[in-house]
């Protein structure tokens, strides 16, 4: 798994309301995940958003996987 997602993902309260974004863009991790879940290929995303690199898409996936791994359910 790509453990270098920290280099590609930024969280800034002044950009997209503090959502995790690809550094240097206004593209959220959630945008990339939504596009992939709707069936867009990496190639299609890269064509539509030339400011992205393949590594950015992989970083978004690694970020989401990391969040999933650290999410815990706390019983009320």
N, C-alpha and C. Protein backbone atom coordinates (compact mmCIF):
# COMPACT_ATOMS: atom_id res chain seq x y z
N UNK A 1 0.85 -1.19 0.00
CA UNK A 1 0.00 0.00 0.00
C UNK A 1 0.89 1.24 0.00
N UNK A 2 0.45 2.26 -0.71
CA UNK A 2 1.18 3.52 -0.76
C UNK A 2 1.09 4.21 0.59
N UNK A 3 2.20 4.26 1.30
CA UNK A 3 2.21 4.92 2.61
C UNK A 3 2.64 6.37 2.50
N UNK A 4 2.86 6.86 1.29
CA UNK A 4 3.30 8.23 1.11
C UNK A 4 2.16 9.16 0.75
N UNK A 5 0.94 8.82 1.12
CA UNK A 5 -0.19 9.67 0.79
C UNK A 5 -0.07 11.03 1.48
N UNK A 6 0.67 11.09 2.59
CA UNK A 6 0.82 12.35 3.32
C UNK A 6 1.45 13.44 2.45
N UNK A 7 2.25 13.05 1.47
CA UNK A 7 2.88 14.02 0.57
C UNK A 7 1.88 14.60 -0.43
N UNK A 8 0.80 13.89 -0.69
CA UNK A 8 -0.15 14.29 -1.72
C UNK A 8 -1.46 14.85 -1.20
N UNK A 9 -1.76 14.61 0.06
CA UNK A 9 -3.05 15.00 0.63
C UNK A 9 -2.85 16.13 1.64
N UNK A 10 -3.65 17.18 1.51
CA UNK A 10 -3.59 18.31 2.43
C UNK A 10 -4.95 18.56 3.04
N UNK A 11 -4.94 19.09 4.24
CA UNK A 11 -6.18 19.52 4.88
C UNK A 11 -5.96 20.96 5.32
N UNK A 12 -6.73 21.87 4.73
CA UNK A 12 -6.61 23.30 5.00
C UNK A 12 -8.02 23.83 5.18
N UNK A 13 -8.30 24.43 6.32
CA UNK A 13 -9.65 24.90 6.60
C UNK A 13 -10.11 25.96 5.60
N UNK A 14 -9.20 26.57 4.87
CA UNK A 14 -9.56 27.59 3.88
C UNK A 14 -9.83 27.01 2.49
N UNK A 15 -9.61 25.73 2.32
CA UNK A 15 -9.83 25.09 1.02
C UNK A 15 -10.88 23.99 1.18
N UNK A 16 -11.97 24.13 0.45
CA UNK A 16 -13.06 23.14 0.43
C UNK A 16 -13.53 22.79 1.84
N UNK A 17 -13.61 23.82 2.69
CA UNK A 17 -14.14 23.67 4.05
C UNK A 17 -13.36 22.66 4.89
N UNK A 18 -12.06 22.52 4.59
CA UNK A 18 -11.21 21.64 5.39
C UNK A 18 -11.27 20.18 5.01
N UNK A 19 -11.91 19.87 3.88
CA UNK A 19 -11.93 18.48 3.42
C UNK A 19 -10.53 18.11 2.92
N UNK A 20 -10.14 16.85 3.04
CA UNK A 20 -8.85 16.43 2.49
C UNK A 20 -8.83 16.61 0.98
N UNK A 21 -7.82 17.31 0.47
CA UNK A 21 -7.69 17.57 -0.96
C UNK A 21 -6.31 17.15 -1.46
N UNK A 22 -6.22 17.02 -2.76
CA UNK A 22 -4.92 16.78 -3.38
C UNK A 22 -4.15 18.10 -3.28
N UNK A 23 -2.96 18.04 -2.72
CA UNK A 23 -2.15 19.23 -2.49
C UNK A 23 -1.99 20.04 -3.77
N UNK A 24 -2.23 21.34 -3.66
CA UNK A 24 -2.07 22.24 -4.79
C UNK A 24 -3.28 22.31 -5.70
N UNK A 25 -4.36 21.61 -5.33
CA UNK A 25 -5.60 21.64 -6.12
C UNK A 25 -6.77 21.88 -5.17
N UNK A 26 -7.94 21.97 -5.74
CA UNK A 26 -9.17 22.03 -4.94
C UNK A 26 -9.95 20.73 -5.11
N UNK A 27 -9.29 19.68 -5.55
CA UNK A 27 -9.93 18.39 -5.77
C UNK A 27 -9.87 17.58 -4.48
N UNK A 28 -11.05 17.22 -3.97
CA UNK A 28 -11.14 16.47 -2.71
C UNK A 28 -10.90 14.99 -2.94
N UNK A 29 -10.42 14.35 -1.90
CA UNK A 29 -10.30 12.89 -1.90
C UNK A 29 -11.67 12.29 -2.19
N UNK A 30 -12.71 12.85 -1.58
CA UNK A 30 -14.05 12.31 -1.79
C UNK A 30 -14.50 12.45 -3.24
N UNK A 31 -14.05 13.50 -3.95
CA UNK A 31 -14.37 13.64 -5.37
C UNK A 31 -13.80 12.45 -6.14
N UNK A 32 -12.53 12.16 -5.90
CA UNK A 32 -11.86 11.07 -6.60
C UNK A 32 -12.53 9.74 -6.29
N UNK A 33 -12.86 9.51 -5.02
CA UNK A 33 -13.52 8.26 -4.64
C UNK A 33 -14.88 8.14 -5.31
N UNK A 34 -15.61 9.25 -5.40
CA UNK A 34 -16.92 9.23 -6.06
C UNK A 34 -16.79 8.91 -7.55
N UNK A 35 -15.82 9.54 -8.20
CA UNK A 35 -15.63 9.28 -9.62
C UNK A 35 -15.30 7.81 -9.87
N UNK A 36 -14.41 7.27 -9.05
CA UNK A 36 -14.04 5.86 -9.21
C UNK A 36 -15.24 4.95 -8.94
N UNK A 37 -16.03 5.29 -7.91
CA UNK A 37 -17.19 4.45 -7.56
C UNK A 37 -18.27 4.50 -8.63
N UNK A 38 -18.29 5.57 -9.43
CA UNK A 38 -19.25 5.69 -10.52
C UNK A 38 -18.75 5.04 -11.80
N UNK A 39 -17.56 4.44 -11.73
CA UNK A 39 -17.07 3.69 -12.87
C UNK A 39 -16.05 4.41 -13.74
N UNK A 40 -15.67 5.63 -13.37
CA UNK A 40 -14.64 6.31 -14.14
C UNK A 40 -13.31 5.59 -13.95
N UNK A 41 -12.56 5.47 -15.01
CA UNK A 41 -11.24 4.87 -14.90
C UNK A 41 -10.23 5.94 -14.50
N UNK A 42 -9.08 5.51 -14.05
CA UNK A 42 -8.02 6.46 -13.73
C UNK A 42 -7.69 7.31 -14.94
N UNK A 43 -7.65 6.68 -16.09
CA UNK A 43 -7.31 7.39 -17.32
C UNK A 43 -8.33 8.48 -17.63
N UNK A 44 -9.61 8.19 -17.42
CA UNK A 44 -10.65 9.19 -17.66
C UNK A 44 -10.51 10.37 -16.70
N UNK A 45 -10.24 10.06 -15.44
CA UNK A 45 -10.06 11.13 -14.45
C UNK A 45 -8.86 12.00 -14.83
N UNK A 46 -7.77 11.36 -15.22
CA UNK A 46 -6.57 12.11 -15.59
C UNK A 46 -6.80 12.97 -16.83
N UNK A 47 -7.61 12.49 -17.76
CA UNK A 47 -7.95 13.30 -18.94
C UNK A 47 -8.82 14.50 -18.58
N UNK A 48 -9.78 14.28 -17.68
CA UNK A 48 -10.69 15.35 -17.27
C UNK A 48 -10.02 16.37 -16.35
N UNK A 49 -9.03 15.91 -15.59
CA UNK A 49 -8.36 16.76 -14.61
C UNK A 49 -6.84 16.65 -14.79
N UNK A 50 -6.31 17.34 -15.78
CA UNK A 50 -4.88 17.19 -16.10
C UNK A 50 -3.94 17.64 -14.99
N UNK A 51 -4.45 18.35 -14.00
CA UNK A 51 -3.60 18.74 -12.87
C UNK A 51 -3.30 17.56 -11.95
N UNK A 52 -4.04 16.47 -12.10
CA UNK A 52 -3.81 15.27 -11.30
C UNK A 52 -2.79 14.36 -11.96
N UNK A 53 -2.14 13.57 -11.12
CA UNK A 53 -1.24 12.50 -11.60
C UNK A 53 -1.79 11.18 -11.07
N UNK A 54 -1.37 10.10 -11.67
CA UNK A 54 -1.80 8.77 -11.22
C UNK A 54 -1.49 8.60 -9.73
N UNK A 55 -0.35 9.12 -9.29
CA UNK A 55 0.05 9.00 -7.89
C UNK A 55 -0.94 9.71 -6.96
N UNK A 56 -1.58 10.79 -7.45
CA UNK A 56 -2.57 11.50 -6.64
C UNK A 56 -3.81 10.62 -6.41
N UNK A 57 -4.23 9.92 -7.46
CA UNK A 57 -5.39 9.04 -7.33
C UNK A 57 -5.07 7.89 -6.38
N UNK A 58 -3.88 7.32 -6.52
CA UNK A 58 -3.48 6.25 -5.61
C UNK A 58 -3.34 6.76 -4.18
N UNK A 59 -2.89 7.99 -4.02
CA UNK A 59 -2.79 8.58 -2.68
C UNK A 59 -4.18 8.75 -2.06
N UNK A 60 -5.16 9.15 -2.87
CA UNK A 60 -6.53 9.28 -2.37
C UNK A 60 -7.07 7.94 -1.89
N UNK A 61 -6.79 6.89 -2.66
CA UNK A 61 -7.21 5.55 -2.24
C UNK A 61 -6.49 5.12 -0.97
N UNK A 62 -5.21 5.39 -0.87
CA UNK A 62 -4.44 5.02 0.32
C UNK A 62 -4.93 5.81 1.54
N UNK A 63 -5.25 7.08 1.34
CA UNK A 63 -5.79 7.90 2.42
C UNK A 63 -7.10 7.32 2.94
N UNK A 64 -7.98 6.97 2.01
CA UNK A 64 -9.27 6.38 2.40
C UNK A 64 -9.09 5.05 3.11
N UNK A 65 -8.16 4.23 2.63
CA UNK A 65 -7.88 2.94 3.28
C UNK A 65 -7.34 3.16 4.68
N UNK A 66 -6.48 4.15 4.83
CA UNK A 66 -5.93 4.45 6.15
C UNK A 66 -7.03 4.90 7.11
N UNK A 67 -7.92 5.76 6.63
CA UNK A 67 -9.03 6.21 7.47
C UNK A 67 -9.91 5.03 7.89
N UNK A 68 -10.13 4.12 6.95
CA UNK A 68 -10.95 2.94 7.26
C UNK A 68 -10.27 2.09 8.32
N UNK A 69 -8.97 1.96 8.24
CA UNK A 69 -8.22 1.15 9.20
C UNK A 69 -8.23 1.73 10.60
N UNK A 70 -8.33 3.07 10.71
CA UNK A 70 -8.27 3.67 12.04
C UNK A 70 -9.65 4.00 12.61
N UNK A 71 -10.70 3.78 11.81
CA UNK A 71 -12.06 4.04 12.28
C UNK A 71 -12.49 2.96 13.25
N UNK A 72 -13.01 3.41 14.39
CA UNK A 72 -13.47 2.48 15.42
C UNK A 72 -14.89 2.85 15.82
N UNK A 73 -15.68 1.86 16.11
CA UNK A 73 -17.02 2.08 16.58
C UNK A 73 -16.98 2.04 18.11
N UNK A 74 -17.52 3.08 18.71
CA UNK A 74 -17.55 3.16 20.16
C UNK A 74 -18.99 2.92 20.60
N UNK A 75 -19.18 1.93 21.45
CA UNK A 75 -20.54 1.61 21.94
C UNK A 75 -21.01 2.72 22.87
N UNK A 76 -22.28 3.06 22.70
CA UNK A 76 -22.85 4.14 23.53
C UNK A 76 -23.24 3.61 24.89
